[in-house]
Each structure stands twice: as structure tokens, then as C-alpha cells.
C-alpha atoms as a PDB file:
ATOM      1  CA  MET A   1      60.503-229.139-106.875  1.00  0.00           C
ATOM      2  CA  ILE A   2      61.932-232.511-105.843  1.00  0.00           C
ATOM      3  CA  ARG A   3      62.263-234.759-109.011  1.00  0.00           C
ATOM      4  CA  ILE A   4      61.867-238.677-107.982  1.00  0.00           C
ATOM      5  CA  ALA A   5      62.501-241.762-110.083  1.00  0.00           C
ATOM      6  CA  LEU A   6      61.280-245.215-109.243  1.00  0.00           C
ATOM      7  CA  LEU A   7      63.701-248.141-109.375  1.00  0.00           C
ATOM      8  CA  SER A   8      61.532-251.312-110.684  1.00  0.00           C
ATOM      9  CA  PHE A   9      58.134-252.323-110.201  1.00  0.00           C
ATOM     10  CA  GLU A  10      58.980-255.875-108.930  1.00  0.00           C
ATOM     11  CA  HIS A  11      57.452-255.011-105.422  1.00  0.00           C
ATOM     12  CA  VAL A  12      53.630-254.959-104.836  1.00  0.00           C
ATOM     13  CA  HIS A  13      53.737-251.782-103.278  1.00  0.00           C
ATOM     14  CA  ALA A  14      55.554-249.930-106.439  1.00  0.00           C
ATOM     15  CA  CYS A  15      52.349-249.034-108.070  1.00  0.00           C
ATOM     16  CA  GLY A  16      50.734-247.683-104.980  1.00  0.00           C
ATOM     17  CA  TYR A  17      53.889-245.409-104.476  1.00  0.00           C
ATOM     18  CA  ALA A  18      53.940-244.140-108.222  1.00  0.00           C
ATOM     19  CA  GLU A  19      50.307-243.164-107.702  1.00  0.00           C
ATOM     20  CA  VAL A  20      51.326-241.180-104.604  1.00  0.00           C
ATOM     21  CA  LEU A  21      53.951-239.315-106.731  1.00  0.00           C
ATOM     22  CA  GLY A  22      51.433-237.993-108.961  1.00  0.00           C
ATOM     23  CA  GLN A  23      49.581-236.563-105.951  1.00  0.00           C
ATOM     24  CA  LEU A  24      52.112-234.699-104.076  1.00  0.00           C
ATOM     25  CA  GLN A  25      52.869-231.132-104.263  1.00  0.00           C
ATOM     26  CA  ASN A  26      56.510-230.128-104.824  1.00  0.00           C
ATOM     27  CA  VAL A  27      57.141-233.463-106.528  1.00  0.00           C
ATOM     28  CA  LYS A  28      57.715-234.521-110.078  1.00  0.00           C
ATOM     29  CA  PHE A  29      57.674-238.201-111.008  1.00  0.00           C
ATOM     30  CA  THR A  30      60.490-237.900-113.738  1.00  0.00           C
ATOM     31  CA  ALA A  31      61.409-241.714-114.580  1.00  0.00           C
ATOM     32  CA  PHE A  32      61.183-245.267-113.810  1.00  0.00           C
ATOM     33  CA  ALA A  33      63.301-248.261-114.637  1.00  0.00           C
ATOM     34  CA  ASP A  34      62.247-251.861-115.146  1.00  0.00           C
ATOM     35  CA  ASP A  35      64.113-254.761-116.672  1.00  0.00           C
ATOM     36  CA  ASN A  36      61.089-256.806-117.316  1.00  0.00           C
ATOM     37  CA  PRO A  37      59.922-255.738-120.848  1.00  0.00           C
ATOM     38  CA  LYS A  38      56.246-256.762-120.412  1.00  0.00           C
ATOM     39  CA  ARG A  39      55.948-255.071-116.823  1.00  0.00           C
ATOM     40  CA  ARG A  40      57.838-252.087-118.102  1.00  0.00           C
ATOM     41  CA  ARG A  41      55.290-251.680-121.086  1.00  0.00           C
ATOM     42  CA  ALA A  42      52.400-252.218-118.825  1.00  0.00           C
ATOM     43  CA  MET A  43      53.892-249.449-116.248  1.00  0.00           C
ATOM     44  CA  ALA A  44      54.468-247.197-119.264  1.00  0.00           C
ATOM     45  CA  ARG A  45      50.917-247.316-120.203  1.00  0.00           C
ATOM     46  CA  ARG A  46      49.739-246.754-116.758  1.00  0.00           C
ATOM     47  CA  PHE A  47      52.166-243.965-115.861  1.00  0.00           C
ATOM     48  CA  PRO A  48      52.793-242.271-119.300  1.00  0.00           C
ATOM     49  CA  LYS A  49      54.659-238.916-118.111  1.00  0.00           C
ATOM     50  CA  PRO A  50      57.956-240.338-116.585  1.00  0.00           C
ATOM     51  CA  LYS A  51      60.383-241.725-118.963  1.00  0.00           C
ATOM     52  CA  ALA A  52      60.789-245.452-118.737  1.00  0.00           C
ATOM     53  CA  TYR A  53      64.198-247.155-118.887  1.00  0.00           C
ATOM     54  CA  ALA A  54      65.205-250.716-119.190  1.00  0.00           C
ATOM     55  CA  SER A  55      68.240-250.258-117.117  1.00  0.00           C
ATOM     56  CA  TRP A  56      67.946-248.668-113.556  1.00  0.00           C
ATOM     57  CA  ARG A  57      71.894-248.054-113.844  1.00  0.00           C
ATOM     58  CA  ARG A  58      71.228-246.017-117.223  1.00  0.00           C
ATOM     59  CA  LEU A  59      68.239-244.223-115.186  1.00  0.00           C
ATOM     60  CA  LEU A  60      70.765-243.213-112.600  1.00  0.00           C
ATOM     61  CA  ALA A  61      73.171-241.961-115.232  1.00  0.00           C
ATOM     62  CA  GLU A  62      70.826-240.056-117.342  1.00  0.00           C
ATOM     63  CA  ALA A  63      67.386-239.351-115.742  1.00  0.00           C
ATOM     64  CA  PRO A  64      66.874-235.933-113.804  1.00  0.00           C
ATOM     65  CA  CYS A  65      66.243-236.993-110.375  1.00  0.00           C
ATOM     66  CA  ASP A  66      66.997-235.716-106.901  1.00  0.00           C
ATOM     67  CA  ALA A  67      65.720-238.902-105.102  1.00  0.00           C
ATOM     68  CA  VAL A  68      64.930-242.538-105.956  1.00  0.00           C
ATOM     69  CA  ILE A  69      62.351-245.046-104.556  1.00  0.00           C
ATOM     70  CA  ILE A  70      63.834-248.667-104.575  1.00  0.00           C
ATOM     71  CA  THR A  71      60.946-251.221-105.015  1.00  0.00           C
ATOM     72  CA  SER A  72      62.793-254.197-106.321  1.00  0.00           C
ATOM     73  CA  ALA A  73      63.120-257.655-104.966  1.00  0.00           C
ATOM     74  CA  ASN A  74      64.583-257.438-101.526  1.00  0.00           C
ATOM     75  CA  ALA A  75      68.129-258.935-102.723  1.00  0.00           C
ATOM     76  CA  ARG A  76      68.486-256.059-104.982  1.00  0.00           C
ATOM     77  CA  HIS A  77      68.005-253.349-102.564  1.00  0.00           C
ATOM     78  CA  TYR A  78      71.688-253.306-101.863  1.00  0.00           C
ATOM     79  CA  GLU A  79      73.372-252.834-105.066  1.00  0.00           C
ATOM     80  CA  MET A  80      70.634-250.309-106.337  1.00  0.00           C
ATOM     81  CA  GLY A  81      71.143-248.499-103.128  1.00  0.00           C
ATOM     82  CA  ILE A  82      74.863-248.317-103.125  1.00  0.00           C
ATOM     83  CA  ALA A  83      74.790-247.054-106.846  1.00  0.00           C
ATOM     84  CA  ALA A  84      72.045-244.517-106.079  1.00  0.00           C
ATOM     85  CA  ALA A  85      74.066-243.185-103.091  1.00  0.00           C
ATOM     86  CA  LYS A  86      77.264-242.771-104.973  1.00  0.00           C
ATOM     87  CA  ALA A  87      75.125-240.810-107.710  1.00  0.00           C
ATOM     88  CA  GLY A  88      74.204-238.554-104.974  1.00  0.00           C
ATOM     89  CA  LYS A  89      70.374-239.562-105.006  1.00  0.00           C
ATOM     90  CA  HIS A  90      68.414-239.634-101.734  1.00  0.00           C
ATOM     91  CA  ILE A  91      66.698-243.015-101.163  1.00  0.00           C
ATOM     92  CA  LEU A  92      63.437-244.234 -99.969  1.00  0.00           C
ATOM     93  CA  CYS A  93      63.971-248.118 -99.736  1.00  0.00           C
ATOM     94  CA  GLU A  94      61.238-250.558 -99.421  1.00  0.00           C
ATOM     95  CA  LYS A  95      61.624-252.785 -96.382  1.00  0.00           C
ATOM     96  CA  PRO A  96      63.581-254.776 -95.439  1.00  0.00           C
ATOM     97  CA  ILE A  97      66.545-252.602 -95.892  1.00  0.00           C
ATOM     98  CA  THR A  98      68.736-255.346 -97.336  1.00  0.00           C
ATOM     99  CA  THR A  99      68.736-259.060 -96.656  1.00  0.00           C
ATOM    100  CA  THR A 100      71.879-259.222 -94.583  1.00  0.00           C
ATOM    101  CA  LEU A 101      73.300-257.061 -91.696  1.00  0.00           C
ATOM    102  CA  GLU A 102      76.717-256.547 -93.564  1.00  0.00           C
ATOM    103  CA  ASP A 103      75.019-255.033 -96.586  1.00  0.00           C
ATOM    104  CA  ALA A 104      72.590-252.990 -94.483  1.00  0.00           C
ATOM    105  CA  ARG A 105      75.513-251.382 -92.460  1.00  0.00           C
ATOM    106  CA  ASP A 106      77.536-250.732 -95.862  1.00  0.00           C
ATOM    107  CA  LEU A 107      74.490-249.084 -97.276  1.00  0.00           C
ATOM    108  CA  ILE A 108      74.000-246.852 -94.163  1.00  0.00           C
ATOM    109  CA  ASP A 109      77.559-245.841 -94.207  1.00  0.00           C
ATOM    110  CA  THR A 110      77.743-245.198 -97.912  1.00  0.00           C
ATOM    111  CA  CYS A 111      74.676-242.981 -97.889  1.00  0.00           C
ATOM    112  CA  ALA A 112      76.291-241.028 -94.854  1.00  0.00           C
ATOM    113  CA  ALA A 113      79.621-240.658 -96.772  1.00  0.00           C
ATOM    114  CA  HIS A 114      77.902-239.317 -99.655  1.00  0.00           C
ATOM    115  CA  ASN A 115      75.663-236.989 -97.797  1.00  0.00           C
ATOM    116  CA  VAL A 116      72.291-238.554 -99.102  1.00  0.00           C
ATOM    117  CA  LYS A 117      69.293-239.363 -96.944  1.00  0.00           C
ATOM    118  CA  LEU A 118      68.207-242.946 -96.628  1.00  0.00           C
ATOM    119  CA  GLN A 119      64.646-243.570 -95.204  1.00  0.00           C
ATOM    120  CA  VAL A 120      63.025-247.224 -95.177  1.00  0.00           C
ATOM    121  CA  ALA A 121      59.533-247.738 -96.134  1.00  0.00           C
ATOM    122  CA  PHE A 122      57.549-248.666 -92.955  1.00  0.00           C
ATOM    123  CA  PRO A 123      54.217-246.684 -93.713  1.00  0.00           C
ATOM    124  CA  VAL A 124      52.277-247.998 -90.898  1.00  0.00           C
ATOM    125  CA  ARG A 125      54.151-245.671 -88.698  1.00  0.00           C
ATOM    126  CA  TYR A 126      51.935-243.003 -90.205  1.00  0.00           C
ATOM    127  CA  CYS A 127      48.666-244.637 -89.045  1.00  0.00           C
ATOM    128  CA  ALA A 128      46.801-242.134 -86.919  1.00  0.00           C
ATOM    129  CA  ALA A 129      45.993-244.886 -84.443  1.00  0.00           C
ATOM    130  CA  ILE A 130      49.753-245.451 -83.983  1.00  0.00           C
ATOM    131  CA  GLN A 131      50.269-241.827 -83.301  1.00  0.00           C
ATOM    132  CA  GLN A 132      47.279-241.713 -80.724  1.00  0.00           C
ATOM    133  CA  ALA A 133      48.811-244.969 -79.258  1.00  0.00           C
ATOM    134  CA  ARG A 134      52.248-243.383 -78.592  1.00  0.00           C
ATOM    135  CA  ASN A 135      50.859-240.487 -76.894  1.00  0.00           C
ATOM    136  CA  VAL A 136      48.889-242.781 -74.541  1.00  0.00           C
ATOM    137  CA  ILE A 137      51.933-244.945 -73.724  1.00  0.00           C
ATOM    138  CA  ALA A 138      53.941-242.098 -73.169  1.00  0.00           C
ATOM    139  CA  SER A 139      51.472-240.570 -70.801  1.00  0.00           C
ATOM    140  CA  GLY A 140      51.745-243.555 -68.361  1.00  0.00           C
ATOM    141  CA  GLU A 141      48.134-244.302 -68.751  1.00  0.00           C
ATOM    142  CA  LEU A 142      48.818-248.048 -69.384  1.00  0.00           C
ATOM    143  CA  GLY A 143      51.312-248.293 -66.276  1.00  0.00           C
ATOM    144  CA  GLU A 144      54.037-250.696 -66.840  1.00  0.00           C
ATOM    145  CA  ILE A 145      53.719-252.702 -69.919  1.00  0.00           C
ATOM    146  CA  LEU A 146      53.869-256.367 -69.109  1.00  0.00           C
ATOM    147  CA  ALA A 147      53.232-258.007 -72.456  1.00  0.00           C
ATOM    148  CA  ILE A 148      52.269-257.336 -75.972  1.00  0.00           C
ATOM    149  CA  ASN A 149      50.371-259.540 -78.498  1.00  0.00           C
ATOM    150  CA  THR A 150      50.693-258.782 -82.033  1.00  0.00           C
ATOM    151  CA  THR A 151      49.739-260.113 -85.748  1.00  0.00           C
ATOM    152  CA  ASN A 152      50.945-259.211 -89.095  1.00  0.00           C
ATOM    153  CA  HIS A 153      48.932-261.485 -91.272  1.00  0.00           C
ATOM    154  CA  GLY A 154      48.565-261.262 -94.955  1.00  0.00           C
ATOM    155  CA  THR A 155      48.093-263.242 -98.040  1.00  0.00           C
ATOM    156  CA  MET A 156      51.022-265.081 -99.768  1.00  0.00           C
ATOM    157  CA  PRO A 157      52.366-262.602-102.261  1.00  0.00           C
ATOM    158  CA  GLY A 158      53.714-265.091-104.518  1.00  0.00           C
ATOM    159  CA  GLY A 159      56.465-264.454-107.162  1.00  0.00           C
ATOM    160  CA  TRP A 160      59.786-263.825-105.951  1.00  0.00           C
ATOM    161  CA  PHE A 161      58.487-263.279-102.168  1.00  0.00           C
ATOM    162  CA  ALA A 162      58.481-267.108-102.228  1.00  0.00           C
ATOM    163  CA  ASN A 163      62.064-267.117-103.568  1.00  0.00           C
ATOM    164  CA  LYS A 164      64.682-267.375-100.520  1.00  0.00           C
ATOM    165  CA  LYS A 165      67.483-266.129-102.651  1.00  0.00           C
ATOM    166  CA  LEU A 166      65.543-263.110-103.784  1.00  0.00           C
ATOM    167  CA  ALA A 167      63.469-262.529-100.768  1.00  0.00           C
ATOM    168  CA  GLY A 168      65.822-263.313 -97.978  1.00  0.00           C
ATOM    169  CA  GLY A 169      63.159-265.660 -96.320  1.00  0.00           C
ATOM    170  CA  GLY A 170      59.433-266.154 -96.326  1.00  0.00           C
ATOM    171  CA  ALA A 171      56.768-264.671 -93.934  1.00  0.00           C
ATOM    172  CA  ILE A 172      59.171-263.739 -91.294  1.00  0.00           C
ATOM    173  CA  MET A 173      61.322-261.602 -93.449  1.00  0.00           C
ATOM    174  CA  ASP A 174      58.125-260.021 -95.040  1.00  0.00           C
ATOM    175  CA  HIS A 175      56.248-259.319 -91.902  1.00  0.00           C
ATOM    176  CA  THR A 176      58.293-259.228 -88.823  1.00  0.00           C
ATOM    177  CA  VAL A 177      60.087-255.980 -89.656  1.00  0.00           C
ATOM    178  CA  HIS A 178      56.878-254.024 -89.607  1.00  0.00           C
ATOM    179  CA  VAL A 179      55.901-254.847 -85.966  1.00  0.00           C
ATOM    180  CA  VAL A 180      59.433-254.678 -84.824  1.00  0.00           C
ATOM    181  CA  ASP A 181      59.756-251.245 -86.067  1.00  0.00           C
ATOM    182  CA  LEU A 182      56.372-250.157 -84.719  1.00  0.00           C
ATOM    183  CA  LEU A 183      57.135-251.320 -81.210  1.00  0.00           C
ATOM    184  CA  ARG A 184      60.715-249.723 -81.199  1.00  0.00           C
ATOM    185  CA  TYR A 185      58.994-246.476 -82.101  1.00  0.00           C
ATOM    186  CA  LEU A 186      55.940-246.715 -79.717  1.00  0.00           C
ATOM    187  CA  LEU A 187      58.241-247.777 -76.662  1.00  0.00           C
ATOM    188  CA  GLY A 188      61.604-246.247 -77.301  1.00  0.00           C
ATOM    189  CA  LYS A 189      62.886-249.715 -76.369  1.00  0.00           C
ATOM    190  CA  GLU A 190      65.264-252.268 -78.248  1.00  0.00           C
ATOM    191  CA  PHE A 191      64.577-256.077 -78.558  1.00  0.00           C
ATOM    192  CA  THR A 192      66.949-258.116 -76.420  1.00  0.00           C
ATOM    193  CA  ARG A 193      66.026-261.812 -77.233  1.00  0.00           C
ATOM    194  CA  VAL A 194      64.267-263.714 -80.018  1.00  0.00           C
ATOM    195  CA  TYR A 195      62.593-267.259 -80.335  1.00  0.00           C
ATOM    196  CA  SER A 196      60.835-268.574 -83.437  1.00  0.00           C
ATOM    197  CA  GLU A 197      58.994-271.480 -84.732  1.00  0.00           C
ATOM    198  CA  SER A 198      58.076-271.719 -88.468  1.00  0.00           C
ATOM    199  CA  THR A 199      56.721-274.138 -90.918  1.00  0.00           C
ATOM    200  CA  THR A 200      55.237-274.433 -94.456  1.00  0.00           C
ATOM    201  CA  LYS A 201      51.601-275.665 -94.365  1.00  0.00           C
ATOM    202  CA  LEU A 202      49.452-273.361 -96.503  1.00  0.00           C
ATOM    203  CA  TYR A 203      51.159-273.170 -99.944  1.00  0.00           C
ATOM    204  CA  PRO A 204      53.448-275.372-102.012  1.00  0.00           C
ATOM    205  CA  ILE A 205      56.517-272.987-101.592  1.00  0.00           C
ATOM    206  CA  LYS A 206      60.029-273.527-100.325  1.00  0.00           C
ATOM    207  CA  VAL A 207      59.845-270.842 -97.692  1.00  0.00           C
ATOM    208  CA  GLU A 208      57.954-270.386 -94.518  1.00  0.00           C
ATOM    209  CA  ASP A 209      54.298-269.425 -94.541  1.00  0.00           C
ATOM    210  CA  CYS A 210      53.543-269.855 -90.956  1.00  0.00           C
ATOM    211  CA  ALA A 211      55.739-268.103 -88.300  1.00  0.00           C
ATOM    212  CA  LEU A 212      55.318-267.363 -84.586  1.00  0.00           C
ATOM    213  CA  LEU A 213      57.949-265.370 -82.825  1.00  0.00           C
ATOM    214  CA  MET A 214      58.381-264.782 -79.055  1.00  0.00           C
ATOM    215  CA  LEU A 215      60.425-261.756 -78.309  1.00  0.00           C
ATOM    216  CA  GLU A 216      61.776-259.970 -75.270  1.00  0.00           C
ATOM    217  CA  MET A 217      62.548-256.038 -75.099  1.00  0.00           C
ATOM    218  CA  ALA A 218      64.604-254.141 -72.741  1.00  0.00           C
ATOM    219  CA  ASP A 219      63.189-253.548 -69.173  1.00  0.00           C
ATOM    220  CA  GLY A 220      60.890-256.369 -69.238  1.00  0.00           C
ATOM    221  CA  PRO A 221      57.858-256.482 -71.912  1.00  0.00           C
ATOM    222  CA  PHE A 222      57.452-259.690 -73.884  1.00  0.00           C
ATOM    223  CA  VAL A 223      55.957-259.809 -77.280  1.00  0.00           C
ATOM    224  CA  SER A 224      54.414-262.496 -79.372  1.00  0.00           C
ATOM    225  CA  LEU A 225      54.015-262.082 -83.019  1.00  0.00           C
ATOM    226  CA  ASP A 226      52.074-264.046 -85.503  1.00  0.00           C
ATOM    227  CA  ALA A 227      53.814-263.083 -88.875  1.00  0.00           C
ATOM    228  CA  SER A 228      52.031-265.739 -91.004  1.00  0.00           C
ATOM    229  CA  TRP A 229      50.886-265.573 -94.727  1.00  0.00           C
ATOM    230  CA  SER A 230      47.568-266.883 -93.272  1.00  0.00           C
ATOM    231  CA  ARG A 231      44.841-264.779 -95.036  1.00  0.00           C
ATOM    232  CA  PRO A 232      43.228-266.651 -97.896  1.00  0.00           C
ATOM    233  CA  PRO A 233      43.013-264.579-101.123  1.00  0.00           C
ATOM    234  CA  SER A 234      39.105-264.212-100.798  1.00  0.00           C
ATOM    235  CA  TYR A 235      39.675-262.567 -97.174  1.00  0.00           C
ATOM    236  CA  LYS A 236      38.145-259.147 -96.510  1.00  0.00           C
ATOM    237  CA  THR A 237      41.240-257.243 -96.242  1.00  0.00           C
ATOM    238  CA  TRP A 238      44.555-257.954 -97.731  1.00  0.00           C
ATOM    239  CA  GLY A 239      46.147-258.391 -94.149  1.00  0.00           C
ATOM    240  CA  ASN A 240      46.419-256.843 -90.894  1.00  0.00           C
ATOM    241  CA  VAL A 241      48.592-255.077 -88.183  1.00  0.00           C
ATOM    242  CA  VAL A 242      46.984-255.475 -84.728  1.00  0.00           C
ATOM    243  CA  LEU A 243      48.900-254.641 -81.476  1.00  0.00           C
ATOM    244  CA  GLU A 244      47.588-255.609 -78.006  1.00  0.00           C
ATOM    245  CA  PHE A 245      49.248-254.105 -74.904  1.00  0.00           C
ATOM    246  CA  LYS A 246      48.651-255.505 -71.397  1.00  0.00           C
ATOM    247  CA  GLY A 247      49.592-252.960 -68.693  1.00  0.00           C
ATOM    248  CA  THR A 248      49.286-252.852 -64.905  1.00  0.00           C
ATOM    249  CA  LYS A 249      46.789-250.013 -65.247  1.00  0.00           C
ATOM    250  CA  SER A 250      45.015-250.540 -68.328  1.00  0.00           C
ATOM    251  CA  ASN A 251      45.069-252.359 -71.771  1.00  0.00           C
ATOM    252  CA  LEU A 252      45.352-250.763 -75.275  1.00  0.00           C
ATOM    253  CA  SER A 253      44.417-252.660 -78.439  1.00  0.00           C
ATOM    254  CA  LEU A 254      44.655-251.202 -82.055  1.00  0.00           C
ATOM    255  CA  ASP A 255      44.042-252.345 -85.503  1.00  0.00           C
ATOM    256  CA  CYS A 256      45.807-250.463 -88.182  1.00  0.00           C
ATOM    257  CA  PHE A 257      43.377-251.624 -91.018  1.00  0.00           C
ATOM    258  CA  PRO A 258      39.885-251.038 -89.568  1.00  0.00           C
ATOM    259  CA  THR A 259      38.050-248.902 -92.129  1.00  0.00           C
ATOM    260  CA  THR A 260      36.328-251.340 -94.485  1.00  0.00           C
ATOM    261  CA  LEU A 261      33.025-251.668 -96.350  1.00  0.00           C
ATOM    262  CA  ASN A 262      31.843-255.098 -96.574  1.00  0.00           C
ATOM    263  CA  ILE A 263      29.230-256.061 -99.282  1.00  0.00           C
ATOM    264  CA  TYR A 264      27.542-259.365 -99.351  1.00  0.00           C
ATOM    265  CA  GLN A 265      25.603-260.260-102.472  1.00  0.00           C
ATOM    266  CA  ASN A 266      23.092-263.090-102.120  1.00  0.00           C
ATOM    267  CA  LYS A 267      22.459-263.506-105.822  1.00  0.00           C
ATOM    268  CA  THR A 268      26.154-264.194-106.622  1.00  0.00           C
ATOM    269  CA  MET A 269      27.453-265.381-103.196  1.00  0.00           C
ATOM    270  CA  ARG A 270      30.197-263.006-103.355  1.00  0.00           C
ATOM    271  CA  HIS A 271      31.804-260.883-100.543  1.00  0.00           C
ATOM    272  CA  THR A 272      33.362-257.553-101.874  1.00  0.00           C
ATOM    273  CA  THR A 273      35.339-255.191 -99.314  1.00  0.00           C
ATOM    274  CA  LEU A 274      36.288-251.403-100.176  1.00  0.00           C
ATOM    275  CA  SER A 275      38.922-250.117 -97.840  1.00  0.00           C
ATOM    276  CA  GLY A 276      39.462-246.665 -96.795  1.00  0.00           C
ATOM    277  CA  GLY A 277      40.881-244.376 -94.177  1.00  0.00           C
ATOM    278  CA  ASP A 278      44.326-242.881 -94.036  1.00  0.00           C
ATOM    279  CA  ASN A 279      46.702-243.308 -97.083  1.00  0.00           C
ATOM    280  CA  PHE A 280      49.838-244.430 -95.120  1.00  0.00           C
ATOM    281  CA  ASP A 281      52.041-244.459 -98.335  1.00  0.00           C
ATOM    282  CA  ARG A 282      51.053-240.808 -99.024  1.00  0.00           C
ATOM    283  CA  GLU A 283      51.925-239.589 -95.652  1.00  0.00           C
ATOM    284  CA  MET A 284      55.339-241.631 -95.536  1.00  0.00           C
ATOM    285  CA  MET A 285      56.246-239.985 -99.055  1.00  0.00           C
ATOM    286  CA  ALA A 286      55.362-236.560 -97.966  1.00  0.00           C
ATOM    287  CA  ALA A 287      57.546-236.966 -94.929  1.00  0.00           C
ATOM    288  CA  PHE A 288      60.329-238.225 -97.124  1.00  0.00           C
ATOM    289  CA  VAL A 289      60.007-235.352 -99.508  1.00  0.00           C
ATOM    290  CA  ASP A 290      59.834-232.796 -96.431  1.00  0.00           C
ATOM    291  CA  ALA A 291      62.975-234.336 -95.019  1.00  0.00           C
ATOM    292  CA  ILE A 292      64.732-233.516 -98.391  1.00  0.00           C
ATOM    293  CA  ILE A 293      63.425-229.966 -98.797  1.00  0.00           C
ATOM    294  CA  ASN A 294      64.235-229.156 -95.173  1.00  0.00           C
ATOM    295  CA  ASN A 295      67.369-230.916 -94.955  1.00  0.00           C
ATOM    296  CA  ARG A 296      66.436-233.058 -91.813  1.00  0.00           C
ATOM    297  CA  LYS A 297      66.937-236.484 -90.676  1.00  0.00           C
ATOM    298  CA  PRO A 298      64.160-238.853 -92.097  1.00  0.00           C
ATOM    299  CA  ASP A 299      61.516-240.020 -89.809  1.00  0.00           C
ATOM    300  CA  ILE A 300      62.627-243.599 -90.237  1.00  0.00           C
ATOM    301  CA  THR A 301      66.302-243.892 -90.535  1.00  0.00           C
ATOM    302  CA  GLY A 302      68.663-246.662 -92.155  1.00  0.00           C
ATOM    303  CA  GLU A 303      69.486-247.411 -88.394  1.00  0.00           C
ATOM    304  CA  ASP A 304      65.778-248.284 -87.872  1.00  0.00           C
ATOM    305  CA  GLY A 305      65.818-250.563 -90.905  1.00  0.00           C
ATOM    306  CA  TYR A 306      68.822-252.132 -89.577  1.00  0.00           C
ATOM    307  CA  LYS A 307      67.428-252.897 -86.228  1.00  0.00           C
ATOM    308  CA  ALA A 308      64.274-254.422 -87.732  1.00  0.00           C
ATOM    309  CA  LEU A 309      66.090-256.688 -90.022  1.00  0.00           C
ATOM    310  CA  GLU A 310      68.240-257.964 -87.122  1.00  0.00           C
ATOM    311  CA  VAL A 311      65.249-259.286 -85.452  1.00  0.00           C
ATOM    312  CA  ALA A 312      64.014-261.066 -88.472  1.00  0.00           C
ATOM    313  CA  LEU A 313      67.581-262.515 -89.000  1.00  0.00           C
ATOM    314  CA  ALA A 314      67.707-263.531 -85.302  1.00  0.00           C
ATOM    315  CA  ALA A 315      64.458-265.389 -85.853  1.00  0.00           C
ATOM    316  CA  TYR A 316      65.848-267.342 -88.450  1.00  0.00           C
ATOM    317  CA  GLN A 317      68.944-268.269 -86.244  1.00  0.00           C
ATOM    318  CA  ALA A 318      66.577-269.174 -83.463  1.00  0.00           C
ATOM    319  CA  ILE A 319      64.880-271.693 -85.694  1.00  0.00           C
ATOM    320  CA  LYS A 320      68.293-273.370 -86.741  1.00  0.00           C
ATOM    321  CA  ARG A 321      69.483-273.447 -83.215  1.00  0.00           C
ATOM    322  CA  ARG A 322      66.251-274.224 -81.670  1.00  0.00           C
ATOM    323  CA  GLN A 323      67.020-271.889 -78.759  1.00  0.00           C
ATOM    324  CA  PRO A 324      66.408-268.159 -78.049  1.00  0.00           C
ATOM    325  CA  VAL A 325      69.019-265.683 -79.743  1.00  0.00           C
ATOM    326  CA  SER A 326      70.459-262.687 -78.073  1.00  0.00           C
ATOM    327  CA  LEU A 327      70.519-259.207 -79.363  1.00  0.00           C
ATOM    328  CA  PRO A 328      72.418-257.438 -80.751  1.00  0.00           C
ATOM    329  CA  LEU A 329      73.883-259.580 -83.415  1.00  0.00           C
ATOM    330  CA  GLY A 330      77.513-259.166 -84.330  1.00  0.00           C
ATOM    331  CA  LEU A 331      78.086-259.335 -87.953  1.00  0.00           C
ATOM    332  CA  GLY A 332      80.659-262.287 -87.345  1.00  0.00           C
ATOM    333  CA  GLN A 333      78.113-264.121 -85.388  1.00  0.00           C
ATOM    334  CA  VAL A 334      75.446-263.849 -88.057  1.00  0.00           C
ATOM    335  CA  ARG A 335      78.240-265.160 -90.586  1.00  0.00           C
ATOM    336  CA  ALA A 336      79.327-268.063 -88.387  1.00  0.00           C
ATOM    337  CA  ALA A 337      75.663-269.079 -87.895  1.00  0.00           C
ATOM    338  CA  ASN A 338      74.654-269.213 -91.475  1.00  0.00           C
END
């Protein structure tokens, strides 16, 4: 039995992860911590079995757990992760891994030094369409992949997501990392150059809500990514991840969130959507637990989180410089450009 605790309900995905913990075999949801009293009380009512802590540090010191899920604001991932690693807890960390490359590297190294597993939460990897696409690409059926058009749209989450200090940025930080991870996984190639433009047009916030990235990958493919918070709150799904590959032999297009039931009500003029399909969170959590039980490397490592973060940070540098930025980024290069 793997005992898991959850550190903070700040992130919008935290409740989904907590629900999954109650569904998995060989898992016991033992504790959670949240320093927001109102939210902590609400979560204690929703999840009455795990013990609720006001302090995540106290949880690490007292609660019986083998692993933790870090679902705090992005800027808190680092300190929570370092403390959890030093306490000998395996870690599933919400994306992005941290908000700086220096912190990401230190977290990866600290986990290795304390022999704990570090997995980054990129659940879309577990989409069945992604697995099928990987097989098609590996078979050579597309021929040489020349270009890839991608989107990762969503609604603006609000709260700390629109606070640069807590989130590390806006839509670019929130949405770029998912697509970067998927393309590295699907193609087995690294990104080599990044250019980006961004603006704030849709919401009265101080971070970008619209962003377009142009990316180059090793050996030729170039990629466009619209990472904007451009879905209105009333849109039929919360977001999307769409990938369109243009090859010399054939094209491939996939949407990771296709299963929806749309209900149109004439009397109230309301549109309701029910989404179904694979539970990516459950598949991701099950894989994390399996890595612990079988003492294997996680499917999505700290290095994967580092590489995804690197592209997002390069996009911000490209915006500042108004020119493309080459990868990989040196740690000193990032500090000098900030």
C-alpha cells in the first residue's frame, strides 16, 4: 500500500487528483495540507478520510506518507519539493516543475541525492490518441514531418494564475509546457529555437492572455503553438490540445479532448456540455504509483519537466529581445537576460 499526501489545494487540478486517489488500488490518501483556512475546511468536508493540516511542513514531519503530490501555486513547487525530497518522499509535481531553471535543476539533483522519484504532471501523455499517434509516427507512415500546427487553448483560470510572482508568467507558462512535452515524447527530438509574441487583450490582468510561439525542432520540423487563454467561460469544453502534423507522405491531426455531449436547451437558451473519455489523471497517477512499487524510472521525469520549462522561459526571453532564442539555455544566460 502506497500512502500519498497532497500538498495544497491551490491548483485547479488538485481536486481531480484527490478524487483519483480514492479510486486507485494499492493507494491510501492519508493527509493533505492547505494554509488557507476556508479552503482547508471545504476540502476536509469533501475529503473527510485524510487528515487535514494547516502546514505542509508539519504534514511532512508527522503524516504517514510515502509520496506527495505538489499542487500549489507554481512558485511554491521548489520549496515544497526540496523539503519533500529531504524527507524521503517520492514526488508528483504539478507543471511547470518550477518557475526557474536553477530551481528545477536543484530539485532534480536533490531528488536524485535522496533516492526519491520525481514525476512531473503532464497527464495528456496518457491520452489514447497520443499513444496511437506515437505509433503512427514511429512507423514512418507520415514520411518526413515538415511542420506541426498546435493549440493549447483554455479559459483564464484567475486567481494566482494571473499573478506573475506566483505563476511565473501567464498563458505561456501555463500552456506551453504541455505541448512541448507531448512533441518531445512523440518525436524524440529536442527544440532548438524559440520565437514568441504575446499581449493582454481579453482580461484585465497583468500577465499575457494571448500568445503565439514559433518553434524549431532538431532535424527540421517547425512548430506553431497558440497558447492563449482564449476560451470564454461559456465555451463547450474547458480547453483543448490539438496537434496537426504535415508530412511528406500523409498528415495526422488529433484532438485530445474530443468526447463531449452537447445539450442545447431552447427554453432557457442554455448550452450544456458533458465530457467523457479517458481519465488522464487516473492513468498518470496509476503510472506514478507503479513506478514507486516496481522501483522504476517515472514515465515523465524531472528532466522532461526541465526541458518543457526551458522552452517557456525561452519564449519570454524572445519577447524581451524581439528575436529568436536558441536552445539549450545556459543558467547564466537566463539570469543575464532577466
